[in-house]
């Protein structure tokens, strides 16, 4: 029985150590060996403290909506009282890659729902060739909201806010 308990402790500690090393390799920070402390550290580094800053910077008029990365857009909407573009609030960008949702349909919905700002990370929308061409044609250059150097939220990435160019509605992406 003593060997069974020692084996269980060894396997558990090995798993905890592997999880700690994996997390440290992902974002080059030191984390606690104990899972409950490590999760607390992660929650602190990944807090969306940038959402209130983005929300206070957006001065949109009534009827304008926002669209973009679901996590940050939902947080900005909660802090600002803005509405997320209808039918697009939970859009998973993997659906675009899988072909279950067409990019042209998403752009059509964005334009129909009067999206005034696209809020995203430097990935997904900003890297997709079709959306990048649409954003370049219809939106102003992004305002970048960087995370703090240290403390809560310092483990996040830059947030890009693209505002719709005035007088360009309806706007479509250039043909592929």
N, C-alpha and C. Protein backbone atom coordinates (compact mmCIF):
# COMPACT_ATOMS: atom_id res chain seq x y z
N UNK A 1 0.82 -1.19 0.00
CA UNK A 1 0.00 0.00 0.00
C UNK A 1 0.87 1.26 0.00
N UNK A 2 1.97 1.18 0.70
CA UNK A 2 2.88 2.33 0.75
C UNK A 2 3.44 2.62 -0.63
N UNK A 3 3.75 1.55 -1.38
CA UNK A 3 4.26 1.74 -2.73
C UNK A 3 3.20 2.35 -3.66
N UNK A 4 1.95 1.95 -3.47
CA UNK A 4 0.84 2.51 -4.26
C UNK A 4 0.67 4.00 -4.01
N UNK A 5 0.76 4.40 -2.74
CA UNK A 5 0.63 5.82 -2.39
C UNK A 5 1.81 6.61 -2.95
N UNK A 6 3.01 6.05 -2.85
CA UNK A 6 4.19 6.73 -3.38
C UNK A 6 4.10 6.86 -4.90
N UNK A 7 3.60 5.81 -5.55
CA UNK A 7 3.43 5.86 -7.01
C UNK A 7 2.42 6.92 -7.42
N UNK A 8 1.31 6.99 -6.67
CA UNK A 8 0.29 8.00 -6.97
C UNK A 8 0.84 9.41 -6.80
N UNK A 9 1.57 9.63 -5.74
CA UNK A 9 2.17 10.96 -5.49
C UNK A 9 3.17 11.29 -6.59
N UNK A 10 3.96 10.32 -7.00
CA UNK A 10 4.96 10.55 -8.05
C UNK A 10 4.31 10.90 -9.38
N UNK A 11 3.26 10.15 -9.75
CA UNK A 11 2.57 10.43 -11.01
C UNK A 11 1.89 11.80 -10.96
N UNK A 12 1.27 12.12 -9.85
CA UNK A 12 0.60 13.42 -9.69
C UNK A 12 1.61 14.55 -9.79
N UNK A 13 2.70 14.44 -9.06
CA UNK A 13 3.73 15.49 -9.08
C UNK A 13 4.34 15.62 -10.48
N UNK A 14 4.52 14.50 -11.17
CA UNK A 14 5.04 14.55 -12.53
C UNK A 14 4.10 15.29 -13.47
N UNK A 15 2.81 15.04 -13.32
CA UNK A 15 1.82 15.76 -14.14
C UNK A 15 1.80 17.24 -13.84
N UNK A 16 1.86 17.59 -12.55
CA UNK A 16 1.89 19.00 -12.17
C UNK A 16 3.13 19.69 -12.73
N UNK A 17 4.27 19.00 -12.64
CA UNK A 17 5.51 19.59 -13.14
C UNK A 17 5.45 19.77 -14.66
N UNK A 18 4.91 18.78 -15.36
CA UNK A 18 4.79 18.89 -16.82
C UNK A 18 3.87 20.05 -17.20
N UNK A 19 2.77 20.21 -16.47
CA UNK A 19 1.85 21.31 -16.75
C UNK A 19 2.52 22.66 -16.50
N UNK A 20 3.28 22.74 -15.44
CA UNK A 20 4.00 23.99 -15.14
C UNK A 20 5.02 24.30 -16.22
N UNK A 21 5.80 23.32 -16.63
CA UNK A 21 6.80 23.54 -17.67
C UNK A 21 6.16 23.92 -19.00
N UNK A 22 5.04 23.30 -19.32
CA UNK A 22 4.32 23.63 -20.58
C UNK A 22 3.84 25.07 -20.56
N UNK A 23 3.26 25.51 -19.45
CA UNK A 23 2.76 26.87 -19.34
C UNK A 23 3.92 27.86 -19.40
N UNK A 24 5.01 27.56 -18.73
CA UNK A 24 6.17 28.46 -18.75
C UNK A 24 6.74 28.57 -20.16
N UNK A 25 6.71 27.48 -20.92
CA UNK A 25 7.22 27.51 -22.30
C UNK A 25 6.31 28.34 -23.20
N UNK A 26 5.02 28.37 -22.92
CA UNK A 26 4.08 29.11 -23.75
C UNK A 26 4.27 30.62 -23.68
N UNK A 27 4.43 31.14 -22.47
CA UNK A 27 4.51 32.60 -22.36
C UNK A 27 5.73 33.11 -21.61
N UNK A 28 6.72 32.25 -21.42
CA UNK A 28 8.02 32.63 -20.89
C UNK A 28 7.93 33.37 -19.55
N UNK A 29 7.10 32.88 -18.66
CA UNK A 29 7.00 33.38 -17.29
C UNK A 29 7.19 32.20 -16.35
N UNK A 30 7.56 32.51 -15.12
CA UNK A 30 7.65 31.48 -14.10
C UNK A 30 6.31 31.31 -13.40
N UNK A 31 5.91 30.05 -13.19
CA UNK A 31 4.63 29.77 -12.54
C UNK A 31 4.83 28.80 -11.38
N UNK A 32 3.88 28.79 -10.49
CA UNK A 32 3.90 27.91 -9.34
C UNK A 32 3.76 26.46 -9.76
N UNK A 33 4.35 25.58 -8.97
CA UNK A 33 4.23 24.14 -9.17
C UNK A 33 2.82 23.67 -8.82
N UNK A 34 2.19 24.29 -7.83
CA UNK A 34 0.87 23.87 -7.38
C UNK A 34 -0.21 24.42 -8.31
N UNK A 35 -1.09 23.54 -8.81
CA UNK A 35 -2.09 23.97 -9.81
C UNK A 35 -2.97 25.13 -9.37
N UNK A 36 -3.48 25.11 -8.15
CA UNK A 36 -4.39 26.18 -7.73
C UNK A 36 -3.68 27.53 -7.68
N UNK A 37 -2.42 27.56 -7.34
CA UNK A 37 -1.66 28.81 -7.36
C UNK A 37 -1.35 29.23 -8.81
N UNK A 38 -1.01 28.24 -9.65
CA UNK A 38 -0.72 28.52 -11.06
C UNK A 38 -1.94 29.12 -11.75
N UNK A 39 -3.13 28.57 -11.49
CA UNK A 39 -4.35 29.11 -12.11
C UNK A 39 -4.62 30.54 -11.65
N UNK A 40 -4.34 30.82 -10.39
CA UNK A 40 -4.49 32.20 -9.89
C UNK A 40 -3.53 33.15 -10.60
N UNK A 41 -2.30 32.70 -10.80
CA UNK A 41 -1.33 33.52 -11.52
C UNK A 41 -1.78 33.77 -12.95
N UNK A 42 -2.27 32.73 -13.61
CA UNK A 42 -2.74 32.87 -14.99
C UNK A 42 -3.91 33.85 -15.06
N UNK A 43 -4.84 33.72 -14.14
CA UNK A 43 -6.00 34.62 -14.14
C UNK A 43 -5.56 36.07 -13.98
N UNK A 44 -4.55 36.30 -13.17
CA UNK A 44 -4.05 37.67 -12.97
C UNK A 44 -3.37 38.21 -14.23
N UNK A 45 -2.55 37.38 -14.88
CA UNK A 45 -1.83 37.83 -16.07
C UNK A 45 -2.76 38.03 -17.27
N UNK A 46 -3.86 37.29 -17.29
CA UNK A 46 -4.75 37.34 -18.45
C UNK A 46 -6.04 38.12 -18.20
N UNK A 47 -6.07 38.93 -17.15
CA UNK A 47 -7.27 39.73 -16.89
C UNK A 47 -7.48 40.72 -18.02
N UNK A 48 -8.73 40.87 -18.40
CA UNK A 48 -9.07 41.76 -19.51
C UNK A 48 -9.22 43.20 -19.04
N UNK A 49 -8.21 43.70 -18.33
CA UNK A 49 -8.27 45.08 -17.85
C UNK A 49 -8.22 46.09 -19.00
N UNK A 50 -7.86 45.65 -20.19
CA UNK A 50 -7.82 46.54 -21.34
C UNK A 50 -9.24 46.84 -21.84
N UNK A 51 -10.20 45.99 -21.54
CA UNK A 51 -11.57 46.17 -22.03
C UNK A 51 -12.19 47.50 -21.59
N UNK A 52 -12.08 47.92 -20.34
CA UNK A 52 -12.63 49.23 -19.97
C UNK A 52 -11.95 50.40 -20.71
N UNK A 53 -10.64 50.27 -20.97
CA UNK A 53 -9.95 51.32 -21.72
C UNK A 53 -10.47 51.41 -23.14
N UNK A 54 -10.67 50.27 -23.78
CA UNK A 54 -11.22 50.26 -25.14
C UNK A 54 -12.64 50.81 -25.12
N UNK A 55 -13.44 50.38 -24.15
CA UNK A 55 -14.83 50.82 -24.06
C UNK A 55 -14.93 52.33 -23.87
N UNK A 56 -14.07 52.89 -23.03
CA UNK A 56 -14.14 54.34 -22.80
C UNK A 56 -13.65 55.13 -24.01
N UNK A 57 -12.82 54.53 -24.83
CA UNK A 57 -12.31 55.21 -26.01
C UNK A 57 -13.31 55.21 -27.16
N UNK A 58 -14.19 54.22 -27.18
CA UNK A 58 -15.18 54.12 -28.26
C UNK A 58 -16.32 55.11 -28.01
N UNK A 59 -16.42 56.10 -28.85
CA UNK A 59 -17.53 57.06 -28.74
C UNK A 59 -18.44 56.82 -29.94
N UNK A 60 -19.26 55.80 -29.84
CA UNK A 60 -20.12 55.44 -30.95
C UNK A 60 -21.51 56.03 -30.74
N UNK A 61 -22.20 56.24 -31.83
CA UNK A 61 -23.55 56.79 -31.75
C UNK A 61 -24.56 55.66 -31.60
N UNK A 62 -25.75 56.02 -31.22
CA UNK A 62 -26.81 55.03 -31.04
C UNK A 62 -27.06 54.29 -32.36
N UNK A 63 -27.19 52.99 -32.26
CA UNK A 63 -27.43 52.17 -33.44
C UNK A 63 -26.18 51.57 -34.04
N UNK A 64 -25.01 52.05 -33.64
CA UNK A 64 -23.77 51.47 -34.14
C UNK A 64 -23.41 50.26 -33.27
N UNK A 65 -22.78 49.30 -33.88
CA UNK A 65 -22.42 48.07 -33.18
C UNK A 65 -20.92 47.80 -33.28
N UNK A 66 -20.48 46.77 -32.57
CA UNK A 66 -19.08 46.35 -32.61
C UNK A 66 -19.02 44.88 -33.03
N UNK A 67 -17.87 44.48 -33.53
CA UNK A 67 -17.65 43.12 -34.00
C UNK A 67 -16.18 42.79 -33.82
N UNK A 68 -15.87 41.51 -33.72
CA UNK A 68 -14.47 41.08 -33.67
C UNK A 68 -14.27 39.83 -32.87
N UNK A 69 -13.11 39.72 -32.23
CA UNK A 69 -12.77 38.57 -31.42
C UNK A 69 -13.81 38.42 -30.31
N UNK A 70 -14.51 37.29 -30.23
CA UNK A 70 -15.63 37.17 -29.30
C UNK A 70 -15.32 37.49 -27.84
N UNK A 71 -14.17 37.08 -27.35
CA UNK A 71 -13.86 37.30 -25.93
C UNK A 71 -13.71 38.78 -25.62
N UNK A 72 -12.88 39.49 -26.36
CA UNK A 72 -12.65 40.90 -26.06
C UNK A 72 -13.87 41.74 -26.42
N UNK A 73 -14.57 41.40 -27.49
CA UNK A 73 -15.76 42.17 -27.89
C UNK A 73 -16.85 42.05 -26.82
N UNK A 74 -17.04 40.85 -26.28
CA UNK A 74 -18.03 40.68 -25.21
C UNK A 74 -17.67 41.51 -23.99
N UNK A 75 -16.40 41.53 -23.62
CA UNK A 75 -15.97 42.32 -22.46
C UNK A 75 -16.16 43.82 -22.72
N UNK A 76 -15.82 44.28 -23.92
CA UNK A 76 -16.00 45.70 -24.26
C UNK A 76 -17.48 46.05 -24.26
N UNK A 77 -18.32 45.17 -24.79
CA UNK A 77 -19.76 45.42 -24.81
C UNK A 77 -20.32 45.54 -23.39
N UNK A 78 -19.86 44.70 -22.50
CA UNK A 78 -20.32 44.77 -21.11
C UNK A 78 -19.90 46.07 -20.44
N UNK A 79 -18.71 46.54 -20.74
CA UNK A 79 -18.21 47.77 -20.11
C UNK A 79 -18.78 49.03 -20.75
N UNK A 80 -19.22 48.94 -21.98
CA UNK A 80 -19.65 50.15 -22.69
C UNK A 80 -21.16 50.24 -22.92
N UNK A 81 -21.84 49.13 -22.80
CA UNK A 81 -23.27 49.12 -23.11
C UNK A 81 -23.55 49.05 -24.60
N UNK A 82 -22.51 48.87 -25.41
CA UNK A 82 -22.68 48.75 -26.85
C UNK A 82 -23.22 47.37 -27.22
N UNK A 83 -23.84 47.30 -28.35
CA UNK A 83 -24.38 46.04 -28.84
C UNK A 83 -23.38 45.38 -29.78
N UNK A 84 -23.22 44.08 -29.62
CA UNK A 84 -22.39 43.30 -30.53
C UNK A 84 -23.23 43.02 -31.77
N UNK A 85 -22.60 43.08 -32.91
CA UNK A 85 -23.31 42.88 -34.17
C UNK A 85 -24.15 41.61 -34.14
N UNK A 86 -25.40 41.74 -34.51
CA UNK A 86 -26.33 40.62 -34.50
C UNK A 86 -25.85 39.46 -35.35
N UNK A 87 -26.13 38.29 -34.90
CA UNK A 87 -25.78 37.05 -35.57
C UNK A 87 -24.28 36.76 -35.59
N UNK A 88 -23.48 37.65 -35.03
CA UNK A 88 -22.03 37.46 -35.11
C UNK A 88 -21.36 37.45 -33.73
N UNK A 89 -22.15 37.51 -32.67
CA UNK A 89 -21.57 37.63 -31.34
C UNK A 89 -20.70 36.44 -30.96
N UNK A 90 -21.06 35.27 -31.40
CA UNK A 90 -20.30 34.08 -31.02
C UNK A 90 -19.61 33.42 -32.21
N UNK A 91 -19.31 34.19 -33.23
CA UNK A 91 -18.68 33.65 -34.43
C UNK A 91 -17.31 33.06 -34.08
N UNK A 92 -17.14 31.81 -34.39
CA UNK A 92 -15.86 31.14 -34.19
C UNK A 92 -15.15 31.14 -35.54
N UNK A 93 -13.96 31.67 -35.59
CA UNK A 93 -13.26 31.83 -36.86
C UNK A 93 -12.86 30.49 -37.48
N UNK A 94 -12.91 29.43 -36.69
CA UNK A 94 -12.69 28.10 -37.26
C UNK A 94 -13.81 27.73 -38.22
N UNK A 95 -15.01 28.29 -38.00
CA UNK A 95 -16.13 28.01 -38.90
C UNK A 95 -15.83 28.54 -40.30
N UNK A 96 -15.11 29.64 -40.37
CA UNK A 96 -14.73 30.19 -41.67
C UNK A 96 -13.75 29.26 -42.37
N UNK A 97 -12.77 28.80 -41.62
CA UNK A 97 -11.78 27.89 -42.21
C UNK A 97 -12.41 26.58 -42.65
N UNK A 98 -13.42 26.12 -41.91
CA UNK A 98 -14.09 24.87 -42.25
C UNK A 98 -15.08 25.04 -43.40
N UNK A 99 -15.43 26.27 -43.72
CA UNK A 99 -16.35 26.52 -44.81
C UNK A 99 -17.82 26.49 -44.42
N UNK A 100 -18.12 26.37 -43.13
CA UNK A 100 -19.52 26.35 -42.70
C UNK A 100 -20.14 27.75 -42.73
N UNK A 101 -19.31 28.77 -42.67
CA UNK A 101 -19.76 30.16 -42.79
C UNK A 101 -18.88 30.82 -43.85
N UNK A 102 -19.51 31.49 -44.79
CA UNK A 102 -18.76 32.17 -45.85
C UNK A 102 -18.31 33.54 -45.38
N UNK A 103 -17.09 33.92 -45.74
CA UNK A 103 -16.55 35.23 -45.37
C UNK A 103 -17.41 36.36 -45.94
N UNK A 104 -17.89 36.17 -47.16
CA UNK A 104 -18.72 37.20 -47.80
C UNK A 104 -20.01 37.44 -47.01
N UNK A 105 -20.57 36.38 -46.45
CA UNK A 105 -21.78 36.51 -45.64
C UNK A 105 -21.51 37.28 -44.35
N UNK A 106 -20.35 37.04 -43.76
CA UNK A 106 -19.99 37.78 -42.53
C UNK A 106 -19.84 39.26 -42.84
N UNK A 107 -19.16 39.61 -43.93
CA UNK A 107 -19.00 41.02 -44.30
C UNK A 107 -20.36 41.65 -44.59
N UNK A 108 -21.22 40.92 -45.27
CA UNK A 108 -22.57 41.43 -45.55
C UNK A 108 -23.33 41.73 -44.26
N UNK A 109 -23.22 40.85 -43.29
CA UNK A 109 -23.88 41.07 -41.99
C UNK A 109 -23.25 42.24 -41.24
N UNK A 110 -21.94 42.36 -41.33
CA UNK A 110 -21.26 43.49 -40.68
C UNK A 110 -21.78 44.80 -41.23
N UNK A 111 -21.86 44.90 -42.53
CA UNK A 111 -22.32 46.14 -43.16
C UNK A 111 -23.81 46.39 -42.88
N UNK A 112 -24.61 45.34 -42.92
CA UNK A 112 -26.05 45.49 -42.69
C UNK A 112 -26.34 45.92 -41.25
N UNK A 113 -25.50 45.46 -40.30
CA UNK A 113 -25.74 45.76 -38.89
C UNK A 113 -25.01 47.00 -38.41
N UNK A 114 -24.47 47.79 -39.33
CA UNK A 114 -23.87 49.08 -38.98
C UNK A 114 -22.73 48.95 -37.97
N UNK A 115 -21.81 48.05 -38.24
CA UNK A 115 -20.65 47.87 -37.35
C UNK A 115 -19.74 49.08 -37.51
N UNK A 116 -19.50 49.77 -36.41
CA UNK A 116 -18.67 50.98 -36.44
C UNK A 116 -17.23 50.69 -36.04
N UNK A 117 -16.99 49.57 -35.35
CA UNK A 117 -15.63 49.24 -34.92
C UNK A 117 -15.44 47.73 -34.91
N UNK A 118 -14.30 47.32 -35.45
CA UNK A 118 -13.87 45.93 -35.38
C UNK A 118 -12.76 45.88 -34.35
N UNK A 119 -12.95 45.03 -33.35
CA UNK A 119 -12.01 44.93 -32.23
C UNK A 119 -11.44 43.52 -32.25
N UNK A 120 -10.13 43.40 -32.37
CA UNK A 120 -9.55 42.07 -32.53
C UNK A 120 -8.13 42.02 -32.00
N UNK A 121 -7.64 40.81 -31.91
CA UNK A 121 -6.23 40.57 -31.60
C UNK A 121 -5.45 40.67 -32.91
N UNK A 122 -4.14 40.59 -32.85
CA UNK A 122 -3.36 40.62 -34.10
C UNK A 122 -3.51 39.36 -34.94
N UNK A 123 -4.29 38.38 -34.49
CA UNK A 123 -4.48 37.13 -35.22
C UNK A 123 -5.88 37.09 -35.81
N UNK A 124 -6.27 35.98 -36.32
CA UNK A 124 -7.60 35.69 -36.86
C UNK A 124 -8.00 36.71 -37.91
N UNK A 125 -8.85 37.67 -37.58
CA UNK A 125 -9.37 38.62 -38.55
C UNK A 125 -8.23 39.39 -39.21
N UNK A 126 -7.29 39.85 -38.41
CA UNK A 126 -6.21 40.68 -38.93
C UNK A 126 -5.27 39.89 -39.85
N UNK A 127 -5.24 38.58 -39.74
CA UNK A 127 -4.34 37.75 -40.56
C UNK A 127 -5.03 37.10 -41.75
N UNK A 128 -6.36 37.03 -41.72
CA UNK A 128 -7.09 36.42 -42.82
C UNK A 128 -7.05 37.35 -44.03
N UNK A 129 -6.64 36.85 -45.18
CA UNK A 129 -6.45 37.70 -46.37
C UNK A 129 -7.73 38.40 -46.79
N UNK A 130 -8.87 37.70 -46.76
CA UNK A 130 -10.13 38.32 -47.17
C UNK A 130 -10.54 39.44 -46.21
N UNK A 131 -10.51 39.15 -44.91
CA UNK A 131 -10.90 40.17 -43.93
C UNK A 131 -9.90 41.32 -43.89
N UNK A 132 -8.63 41.00 -44.08
CA UNK A 132 -7.62 42.07 -44.09
C UNK A 132 -7.89 43.03 -45.25
N UNK A 133 -8.26 42.51 -46.42
CA UNK A 133 -8.55 43.40 -47.55
C UNK A 133 -9.82 44.21 -47.29
N UNK A 134 -10.81 43.60 -46.66
CA UNK A 134 -12.03 44.32 -46.29
C UNK A 134 -11.72 45.43 -45.29
N UNK A 135 -10.95 45.11 -44.27
CA UNK A 135 -10.62 46.10 -43.24
C UNK A 135 -9.80 47.24 -43.84
N UNK A 136 -8.86 46.92 -44.71
CA UNK A 136 -8.04 47.98 -45.32
C UNK A 136 -8.88 48.89 -46.20
N UNK A 137 -9.89 48.35 -46.87
CA UNK A 137 -10.73 49.15 -47.76
C UNK A 137 -11.77 49.97 -47.01
N UNK A 138 -12.25 49.46 -45.89
CA UNK A 138 -13.42 50.06 -45.25
C UNK A 138 -13.17 50.67 -43.87
N UNK A 139 -12.02 50.41 -43.29
CA UNK A 139 -11.75 50.87 -41.93
C UNK A 139 -10.46 51.68 -41.87
N UNK A 140 -10.39 52.55 -40.88
CA UNK A 140 -9.19 53.35 -40.66
C UNK A 140 -8.09 52.48 -40.06
N UNK A 141 -6.84 52.94 -40.11
CA UNK A 141 -5.76 52.16 -39.46
C UNK A 141 -6.10 51.94 -37.98
N UNK A 142 -5.64 50.84 -37.42
CA UNK A 142 -6.06 50.49 -36.06
C UNK A 142 -5.44 51.37 -34.99
N UNK A 143 -6.20 51.55 -33.93
CA UNK A 143 -5.65 52.11 -32.70
C UNK A 143 -5.25 50.90 -31.87
N UNK A 144 -4.02 50.90 -31.37
CA UNK A 144 -3.49 49.75 -30.65
C UNK A 144 -3.59 50.01 -29.14
N UNK A 145 -4.19 49.06 -28.44
CA UNK A 145 -4.25 49.09 -26.99
C UNK A 145 -3.33 47.99 -26.48
N UNK A 146 -2.20 48.39 -25.93
CA UNK A 146 -1.21 47.43 -25.45
C UNK A 146 -1.48 47.08 -23.99
N UNK A 147 -1.14 45.86 -23.59
CA UNK A 147 -1.31 45.48 -22.19
C UNK A 147 -0.27 46.19 -21.33
N UNK A 148 -0.50 46.26 -20.03
CA UNK A 148 0.50 46.87 -19.15
C UNK A 148 1.79 46.04 -19.15
N UNK A 149 2.88 46.68 -18.81
CA UNK A 149 4.18 45.99 -18.79
C UNK A 149 4.22 44.90 -17.73
N UNK A 150 3.57 45.13 -16.59
CA UNK A 150 3.55 44.14 -15.52
C UNK A 150 2.22 44.25 -14.78
N UNK A 151 1.93 43.26 -13.98
CA UNK A 151 0.70 43.27 -13.20
C UNK A 151 -0.46 42.65 -13.95
N UNK A 152 -1.68 42.90 -13.45
CA UNK A 152 -2.85 42.29 -14.06
C UNK A 152 -2.98 42.65 -15.54
N UNK A 153 -3.22 41.65 -16.36
CA UNK A 153 -3.38 41.87 -17.79
C UNK A 153 -2.11 41.89 -18.59
N UNK A 154 -0.97 41.75 -17.93
CA UNK A 154 0.31 41.86 -18.65
C UNK A 154 0.58 40.65 -19.54
N UNK A 155 -0.18 39.58 -19.38
CA UNK A 155 0.02 38.40 -20.21
C UNK A 155 -0.80 38.42 -21.49
N UNK A 156 -1.51 39.50 -21.73
CA UNK A 156 -2.35 39.59 -22.92
C UNK A 156 -1.56 40.10 -24.12
N UNK A 157 -2.20 40.12 -25.24
CA UNK A 157 -1.65 40.60 -26.50
C UNK A 157 -2.21 41.99 -26.78
N UNK A 158 -1.68 42.65 -27.80
CA UNK A 158 -2.23 43.94 -28.20
C UNK A 158 -3.67 43.76 -28.70
N UNK A 159 -4.51 44.75 -28.45
CA UNK A 159 -5.87 44.77 -28.96
C UNK A 159 -5.91 45.85 -30.05
N UNK A 160 -6.40 45.49 -31.23
CA UNK A 160 -6.49 46.42 -32.35
C UNK A 160 -7.95 46.86 -32.52
N UNK A 161 -8.17 48.17 -32.61
CA UNK A 161 -9.51 48.70 -32.82
C UNK A 161 -9.52 49.45 -34.15
N UNK A 162 -10.28 48.91 -35.09
CA UNK A 162 -10.43 49.51 -36.42
C UNK A 162 -11.78 50.23 -36.44
N UNK A 163 -11.79 51.52 -36.75
CA UNK A 163 -13.04 52.27 -36.86
C UNK A 163 -13.43 52.40 -38.33
N UNK A 164 -14.71 52.26 -38.59
CA UNK A 164 -15.22 52.32 -39.96
C UNK A 164 -14.95 53.70 -40.55
N UNK A 165 -14.47 53.74 -41.80
CA UNK A 165 -14.23 55.02 -42.48
C UNK A 165 -15.57 55.71 -42.72
N UNK A 166 -15.66 56.99 -42.44
CA UNK A 166 -16.92 57.70 -42.69
C UNK A 166 -17.24 57.74 -44.19
N UNK A 167 -18.51 57.60 -44.50
CA UNK A 167 -18.95 57.74 -45.89
C UNK A 167 -18.64 56.55 -46.78
N UNK A 168 -18.31 55.41 -46.21
CA UNK A 168 -17.99 54.25 -47.04
C UNK A 168 -19.00 53.12 -46.84
N UNK A 169 -20.24 53.46 -46.57
CA UNK A 169 -21.28 52.43 -46.40
C UNK A 169 -22.17 52.39 -47.63
N UNK A 170 -22.58 51.28 -48.12
CA UNK A 170 -22.05 49.96 -47.80
C UNK A 170 -20.66 49.77 -48.41
N UNK A 171 -19.87 48.97 -47.75
CA UNK A 171 -18.49 48.74 -48.18
C UNK A 171 -18.29 47.25 -48.33
N UNK A 172 -17.60 46.85 -49.35
CA UNK A 172 -17.34 45.43 -49.58
C UNK A 172 -15.84 45.22 -49.73
N UNK A 173 -15.43 43.99 -49.44
CA UNK A 173 -14.03 43.64 -49.63
C UNK A 173 -13.73 43.59 -51.11
N UNK A 174 -12.54 44.01 -51.51
CA UNK A 174 -12.15 43.84 -52.91
C UNK A 174 -12.24 42.37 -53.29
N UNK A 175 -12.55 42.10 -54.53
CA UNK A 175 -12.66 40.71 -54.97
C UNK A 175 -11.34 39.98 -54.83
N UNK A 176 -11.44 38.71 -54.54
CA UNK A 176 -10.22 37.89 -54.35
C UNK A 176 -9.54 37.65 -55.67
